[in-house]
Structure formats: C-alpha cells, structure tokens
Amino acid sequence: MSNELQQLARLVGTWAVSGGVTGTTSFEWMDGGHFLIQRGALDHDGHQVRITEIIGYEHPFGGERGTEVKSRVYDADGNTLDYVYELAGDELTIWGGFKGSPGYFKGVFSDGGDRLTGDWVYPGGGYHATMVRTAV
C-alpha cells in the first residue's frame, strides 16, 4: 500500500453525516490493505441513497499501477460515479471524475481528526457537509 493511500486511513470508522446530506457512512480496509471501502446510507433531499465505494489505485491486469488514488461509487439505483482523492495535510479534496473538475468536495479534518467539514461544489449547486466519527 502506498503512502498516499495510507494517508486516507484517517477515514476508517463510522461517521454521522449532516448538512445537505444526512445519514451514516463507514470506511474499512479491504483484505490485503490495497483498497478502502466506504458503505453509506444517506438521505439527499428526501431521496434515500445507499452506496458502496472502492478507493485505491487502478491496476489493470498485466499493467502498471496508476499514480492517482481513484474511486468508483456504486449506488442502489445502478449509478456509478468516479472520483480522485487528494489529501494534503488536513485538507481532503475529492474530485468528481478528474483532478481540476468543476465538481468536487473540499473539506478539512479537525485537530483530533474526528470531524471533517467542507463543501460539495458542482455546476449549478452544492452543499455544506459535516462528518463526525462515531466509532473506529
């Protein structure tokens, strides 16, 4: 596992989500430690959203491992969303699709690391979000 992916270990645990989306989400390492898995049950404007996200490096069979920490989100409605994760100090950026995208989340971890507060921004909208760790 690389250092960039290891830095995301601060997400491991269960989180209460509030703001423009409410609910609960959890992060855990997949066996082998090469991928972080997020599972969530969220309410977004009255729409119940259940997601599973796999976060790590793309590494096609027989190919070279990618250089960016990427993810794919799968939801119960059959949608998929791709993201690129960047963590610099206490600031987490989750880019929608590619780095520099007009759709992204930018948030900051609290000093103790048990709170992540930031904003989802996308063309035509966005919302504020807070995640508070409730269990490790």
C-alpha atoms as a PDB file:
ATOM      1  CA  MET A   1       0.000   0.000   0.000  1.00  0.00           C
ATOM      2  CA  SER A   2       1.374   3.432  -0.855  1.00  0.00           C
ATOM      3  CA  ASN A   3       1.794   6.391   1.442  1.00  0.00           C
ATOM      4  CA  GLU A   4      -0.927   8.395  -0.382  1.00  0.00           C
ATOM      5  CA  LEU A   5      -3.466   5.652   0.158  1.00  0.00           C
ATOM      6  CA  GLN A   6      -2.268   5.082   3.753  1.00  0.00           C
ATOM      7  CA  GLN A   7      -2.993   8.746   4.494  1.00  0.00           C
ATOM      8  CA  LEU A   8      -6.673   8.014   3.913  1.00  0.00           C
ATOM      9  CA  ALA A   9      -6.598   5.649   6.919  1.00  0.00           C
ATOM     10  CA  ARG A  10      -7.869   8.632   8.907  1.00  0.00           C
ATOM     11  CA  LEU A  11     -11.264   7.927   7.290  1.00  0.00           C
ATOM     12  CA  VAL A  12     -11.520   4.431   8.825  1.00  0.00           C
ATOM     13  CA  GLY A  13     -14.507   4.176  11.147  1.00  0.00           C
ATOM     14  CA  THR A  14     -18.191   5.062  11.210  1.00  0.00           C
ATOM     15  CA  TRP A  15     -19.298   8.640  10.589  1.00  0.00           C
ATOM     16  CA  ALA A  16     -22.531  10.585  11.143  1.00  0.00           C
ATOM     17  CA  VAL A  17     -23.122  12.841   8.136  1.00  0.00           C
ATOM     18  CA  SER A  18     -25.052  16.123   8.354  1.00  0.00           C
ATOM     19  CA  GLY A  19     -25.670  19.141   6.168  1.00  0.00           C
ATOM     20  CA  GLY A  20     -27.010  18.860   2.610  1.00  0.00           C
ATOM     21  CA  VAL A  21     -26.882  15.072   3.022  1.00  0.00           C
ATOM     22  CA  THR A  22     -27.674  13.199   6.235  1.00  0.00           C
ATOM     23  CA  GLY A  23     -27.080   9.653   7.355  1.00  0.00           C
ATOM     24  CA  THR A  24     -24.259   7.303   8.213  1.00  0.00           C
ATOM     25  CA  THR A  25     -21.208   6.117   6.336  1.00  0.00           C
ATOM     26  CA  SER A  26     -18.313   3.840   7.229  1.00  0.00           C
ATOM     27  CA  PHE A  27     -14.842   3.163   5.874  1.00  0.00           C
ATOM     28  CA  GLU A  28     -12.807  -0.013   6.290  1.00  0.00           C
ATOM     29  CA  TRP A  29      -9.792  -1.629   4.623  1.00  0.00           C
ATOM     30  CA  MET A  30     -10.401  -4.462   2.201  1.00  0.00           C
ATOM     31  CA  ASP A  31      -8.358  -7.595   2.944  1.00  0.00           C
ATOM     32  CA  GLY A  32      -4.786  -7.007   1.794  1.00  0.00           C
ATOM     33  CA  GLY A  33      -4.935  -3.258   2.511  1.00  0.00           C
ATOM     34  CA  HIS A  34      -4.895  -2.184  -1.138  1.00  0.00           C
ATOM     35  CA  PHE A  35      -8.386  -0.691  -1.139  1.00  0.00           C
ATOM     36  CA  LEU A  36     -10.528   1.334   1.242  1.00  0.00           C
ATOM     37  CA  ILE A  37     -14.244   0.526   1.145  1.00  0.00           C
ATOM     38  CA  GLN A  38     -16.945   3.043   2.019  1.00  0.00           C
ATOM     39  CA  ARG A  39     -20.529   1.972   2.652  1.00  0.00           C
ATOM     40  CA  GLY A  40     -23.218   4.548   3.262  1.00  0.00           C
ATOM     41  CA  ALA A  41     -26.931   5.010   3.840  1.00  0.00           C
ATOM     42  CA  LEU A  42     -27.740   8.646   3.172  1.00  0.00           C
ATOM     43  CA  ASP A  43     -30.688  10.965   2.607  1.00  0.00           C
ATOM     44  CA  HIS A  44     -30.163  13.594  -0.091  1.00  0.00           C
ATOM     45  CA  ASP A  45     -33.155  15.930  -0.355  1.00  0.00           C
ATOM     46  CA  GLY A  46     -35.593  13.157   0.595  1.00  0.00           C
ATOM     47  CA  HIS A  47     -34.002  10.588  -1.711  1.00  0.00           C
ATOM     48  CA  GLN A  48     -32.582   7.533   0.081  1.00  0.00           C
ATOM     49  CA  VAL A  49     -29.119   6.776  -1.285  1.00  0.00           C
ATOM     50  CA  ARG A  50     -27.238   3.569  -0.471  1.00  0.00           C
ATOM     51  CA  ILE A  51     -23.670   3.442  -1.749  1.00  0.00           C
ATOM     52  CA  THR A  52     -20.567   1.301  -1.823  1.00  0.00           C
ATOM     53  CA  GLU A  53     -17.308   2.952  -2.862  1.00  0.00           C
ATOM     54  CA  ILE A  54     -13.980   1.269  -3.601  1.00  0.00           C
ATOM     55  CA  ILE A  55     -10.975   3.611  -3.154  1.00  0.00           C
ATOM     56  CA  GLY A  56      -7.436   2.789  -4.291  1.00  0.00           C
ATOM     57  CA  TYR A  57      -5.118   2.733  -7.270  1.00  0.00           C
ATOM     58  CA  GLU A  58      -6.209   1.446 -10.648  1.00  0.00           C
ATOM     59  CA  HIS A  59      -4.024  -1.523 -11.528  1.00  0.00           C
ATOM     60  CA  PRO A  60      -5.171  -3.328 -14.647  1.00  0.00           C
ATOM     61  CA  PHE A  61      -4.176  -6.964 -15.016  1.00  0.00           C
ATOM     62  CA  GLY A  62      -0.686  -7.074 -16.518  1.00  0.00           C
ATOM     63  CA  GLY A  63      -0.427  -3.275 -16.493  1.00  0.00           C
ATOM     64  CA  GLU A  64       1.242  -0.635 -14.398  1.00  0.00           C
ATOM     65  CA  ARG A  65      -0.395   0.683 -11.238  1.00  0.00           C
ATOM     66  CA  GLY A  66      -1.869   4.168 -11.628  1.00  0.00           C
ATOM     67  CA  THR A  67      -0.438   7.210  -9.858  1.00  0.00           C
ATOM     68  CA  GLU A  68      -3.684   8.714  -8.502  1.00  0.00           C
ATOM     69  CA  VAL A  69      -5.912   7.448  -5.704  1.00  0.00           C
ATOM     70  CA  LYS A  70      -9.206   6.903  -7.518  1.00  0.00           C
ATOM     71  CA  SER A  71     -12.570   5.510  -6.603  1.00  0.00           C
ATOM     72  CA  ARG A  72     -15.787   4.272  -8.063  1.00  0.00           C
ATOM     73  CA  VAL A  73     -19.077   4.664  -6.217  1.00  0.00           C
ATOM     74  CA  TYR A  74     -21.889   2.199  -6.879  1.00  0.00           C
ATOM     75  CA  ASP A  75     -25.372   3.105  -5.675  1.00  0.00           C
ATOM     76  CA  ALA A  76     -28.514   1.051  -5.197  1.00  0.00           C
ATOM     77  CA  ASP A  77     -30.137   2.812  -8.175  1.00  0.00           C
ATOM     78  CA  GLY A  78     -27.487   1.394 -10.536  1.00  0.00           C
ATOM     79  CA  ASN A  79     -25.469   4.591 -10.921  1.00  0.00           C
ATOM     80  CA  THR A  80     -21.670   4.783 -10.854  1.00  0.00           C
ATOM     81  CA  LEU A  81     -19.581   7.838 -10.020  1.00  0.00           C
ATOM     82  CA  ASP A  82     -15.793   8.164 -10.327  1.00  0.00           C
ATOM     83  CA  TYR A  83     -13.599  10.316  -8.073  1.00  0.00           C
ATOM     84  CA  VAL A  84      -9.948  11.202  -7.486  1.00  0.00           C
ATOM     85  CA  TYR A  85      -8.825  11.639  -3.859  1.00  0.00           C
ATOM     86  CA  GLU A  86      -6.144  14.090  -2.699  1.00  0.00           C
ATOM     87  CA  LEU A  87      -5.099  14.644   0.911  1.00  0.00           C
ATOM     88  CA  ALA A  88      -2.681  17.466   1.721  1.00  0.00           C
ATOM     89  CA  GLY A  89      -2.159  17.858   5.457  1.00  0.00           C
ATOM     90  CA  ASP A  90      -5.637  18.148   6.947  1.00  0.00           C
ATOM     91  CA  GLU A  91      -7.335  19.167   3.674  1.00  0.00           C
ATOM     92  CA  LEU A  92      -9.175  16.487   1.710  1.00  0.00           C
ATOM     93  CA  THR A  93     -10.235  17.124  -1.882  1.00  0.00           C
ATOM     94  CA  ILE A  94     -12.402  14.620  -3.725  1.00  0.00           C
ATOM     95  CA  TRP A  95     -12.544  15.495  -7.403  1.00  0.00           C
ATOM     96  CA  GLY A  96     -15.528  14.383  -9.494  1.00  0.00           C
ATOM     97  CA  GLY A  97     -14.031  12.316 -12.315  1.00  0.00           C
ATOM     98  CA  PHE A  98     -10.635  14.021 -12.666  1.00  0.00           C
ATOM     99  CA  LYS A  99      -8.342  16.473 -10.868  1.00  0.00           C
ATOM    100  CA  GLY A 100      -9.411  20.024 -11.597  1.00  0.00           C
ATOM    101  CA  SER A 101     -13.024  19.033 -12.254  1.00  0.00           C
ATOM    102  CA  PRO A 102     -15.725  21.686 -11.629  1.00  0.00           C
ATOM    103  CA  GLY A 103     -17.378  19.127  -9.332  1.00  0.00           C
ATOM    104  CA  TYR A 104     -15.532  18.429  -6.087  1.00  0.00           C
ATOM    105  CA  PHE A 105     -15.575  18.209  -2.293  1.00  0.00           C
ATOM    106  CA  LYS A 106     -13.082  20.236  -0.300  1.00  0.00           C
ATOM    107  CA  GLY A 107     -13.014  19.700   3.441  1.00  0.00           C
ATOM    108  CA  VAL A 108     -10.752  19.994   6.460  1.00  0.00           C
ATOM    109  CA  PHE A 109     -10.213  17.491   9.271  1.00  0.00           C
ATOM    110  CA  SER A 110     -10.396  18.864  12.826  1.00  0.00           C
ATOM    111  CA  ASP A 111      -7.275  18.775  15.005  1.00  0.00           C
ATOM    112  CA  GLY A 112      -8.292  15.431  16.517  1.00  0.00           C
ATOM    113  CA  GLY A 113      -9.289  14.045  13.114  1.00  0.00           C
ATOM    114  CA  ASP A 114     -12.791  13.053  14.255  1.00  0.00           C
ATOM    115  CA  ARG A 115     -14.599  15.761  12.264  1.00  0.00           C
ATOM    116  CA  LEU A 116     -14.440  16.549   8.554  1.00  0.00           C
ATOM    117  CA  THR A 117     -16.177  19.747   7.472  1.00  0.00           C
ATOM    118  CA  GLY A 118     -16.399  21.087   3.949  1.00  0.00           C
ATOM    119  CA  ASP A 119     -18.420  21.742   0.847  1.00  0.00           C
ATOM    120  CA  TRP A 120     -19.511  19.764  -2.184  1.00  0.00           C
ATOM    121  CA  VAL A 121     -19.378  22.070  -5.212  1.00  0.00           C
ATOM    122  CA  TYR A 122     -20.728  21.283  -8.672  1.00  0.00           C
ATOM    123  CA  PRO A 123     -22.051  23.297 -11.628  1.00  0.00           C
ATOM    124  CA  GLY A 124     -25.432  24.697 -10.650  1.00  0.00           C
ATOM    125  CA  GLY A 125     -25.282  23.732  -6.989  1.00  0.00           C
ATOM    126  CA  GLY A 126     -23.576  22.312  -3.984  1.00  0.00           C
ATOM    127  CA  TYR A 127     -23.995  21.946  -0.250  1.00  0.00           C
ATOM    128  CA  HIS A 128     -22.172  22.085   3.063  1.00  0.00           C
ATOM    129  CA  ALA A 129     -21.400  18.794   4.811  1.00  0.00           C
ATOM    130  CA  THR A 130     -20.020  17.693   8.158  1.00  0.00           C
ATOM    131  CA  MET A 131     -18.908  14.188   9.090  1.00  0.00           C
ATOM    132  CA  VAL A 132     -18.346  13.283  12.756  1.00  0.00           C
ATOM    133  CA  ARG A 133     -16.703   9.974  13.642  1.00  0.00           C
ATOM    134  CA  THR A 134     -18.923   7.933  15.971  1.00  0.00           C
ATOM    135  CA  ALA A 135     -16.825   4.730  16.122  1.00  0.00           C
ATOM    136  CA  VAL A 136     -13.442   3.436  14.989  1.00  0.00           C
END
